[in-house]
Amino acid sequence: IVDLVDHYRARTISSTLKLSHFIIRPTWMIKHDQVSYEQKDMLGGGSFSTLYKGKYTTRDGQTADVAVKISLGARSA
């Protein structure tokens, strides 16, 4: 990631955009790889999203059952 940041700090992204600084992800934000679910565990759905039973894994390895809401426009498991 450091190389990627350095690359875009040195070069313009478009004719008017250039990366001036980066922001480190806050520790309270959940990463995609910390949440998992399977299509077979669907709990329900509506016009805009589907709800699945899933697992959340904390950074220290603890797990918890959670509900995972997936927008119909962003499906990928």
Protein backbone atom coordinates (compact mmCIF):
# COMPACT_ATOMS: atom_id res chain seq x y z
CA ILE A 1 0.00 0.00 0.00
CA VAL A 2 2.89 2.33 0.71
CA ASP A 3 4.06 2.00 -2.91
CA LEU A 4 0.55 2.77 -4.15
CA VAL A 5 0.30 5.91 -2.00
CA ASP A 6 3.77 7.05 -3.11
CA HIS A 7 2.82 6.46 -6.76
CA TYR A 8 -0.28 8.67 -6.58
CA ARG A 9 1.42 11.34 -4.48
CA ALA A 10 3.99 11.74 -7.26
CA ARG A 11 1.52 11.60 -10.17
CA THR A 12 -1.83 13.18 -10.88
CA ILE A 13 -4.89 10.92 -10.77
CA SER A 14 -6.63 12.95 -13.45
CA SER A 15 -6.05 16.35 -14.99
CA THR A 16 -7.33 18.06 -11.83
CA LEU A 17 -6.80 15.54 -9.00
CA LYS A 18 -3.67 14.67 -7.04
CA LEU A 19 -3.34 12.72 -3.78
CA SER A 20 -2.04 15.13 -1.16
CA HIS A 21 -2.38 12.95 1.95
CA PHE A 22 -3.87 9.65 3.02
CA ILE A 23 -6.07 8.66 5.95
CA ILE A 24 -5.40 5.55 8.00
CA ARG A 25 -8.50 3.35 8.43
CA PRO A 26 -9.91 3.82 11.96
CA THR A 27 -9.72 0.69 14.14
CA TRP A 28 -13.51 0.69 14.66
CA MET A 29 -14.18 0.18 10.94
CA ILE A 30 -14.95 -3.45 10.01
CA LYS A 31 -13.01 -4.90 7.08
CA HIS A 32 -14.76 -7.07 4.49
CA ASP A 33 -12.63 -10.10 5.38
CA GLN A 34 -13.89 -9.93 8.99
CA VAL A 35 -17.47 -10.77 7.92
CA SER A 36 -18.55 -13.98 6.21
CA TYR A 37 -21.86 -15.49 5.14
CA GLU A 38 -23.19 -18.17 2.82
CA GLN A 39 -26.03 -17.92 0.30
CA LYS A 40 -27.78 -20.92 1.91
CA ASP A 41 -28.13 -18.98 5.19
CA MET A 42 -30.55 -16.37 3.81
CA LEU A 43 -32.92 -15.01 6.47
CA GLY A 44 -35.07 -12.86 4.20
CA GLY A 45 -35.09 -10.12 1.64
CA GLY A 46 -36.91 -7.23 0.10
CA SER A 47 -36.83 -4.96 -2.92
CA PHE A 48 -33.43 -3.46 -2.13
CA SER A 49 -31.48 -5.97 -0.03
CA THR A 50 -31.15 -9.52 1.27
CA LEU A 51 -30.41 -10.52 4.87
CA TYR A 52 -28.13 -13.45 5.73
CA LYS A 53 -26.95 -15.14 8.92
CA GLY A 54 -23.21 -14.57 9.11
CA LYS A 55 -20.12 -14.50 11.28
CA TYR A 56 -18.06 -11.53 12.42
CA THR A 57 -14.46 -12.22 13.43
CA THR A 58 -12.73 -9.60 15.57
CA ARG A 59 -9.09 -8.68 15.06
CA ASP A 60 -8.17 -10.86 18.05
CA GLY A 61 -9.97 -13.90 16.57
CA GLN A 62 -13.22 -13.93 18.56
CA THR A 63 -16.37 -14.68 16.54
CA ALA A 64 -19.99 -13.62 16.86
CA ASP A 65 -23.17 -14.48 14.96
CA VAL A 66 -24.43 -11.44 13.06
CA ALA A 67 -27.00 -10.45 10.46
CA VAL A 68 -25.41 -9.40 7.17
CA LYS A 69 -27.45 -7.07 4.96
CA ILE A 70 -26.40 -7.08 1.30
CA SER A 71 -27.64 -4.48 -1.17
CA LEU A 72 -29.10 -6.15 -4.27
CA GLY A 73 -26.81 -4.00 -6.40
CA ALA A 74 -23.67 -5.27 -4.60
CA ARG A 75 -24.08 -9.07 -4.36
CA SER A 76 -20.87 -11.09 -4.05
CA ALA A 77 -20.12 -13.72 -1.44
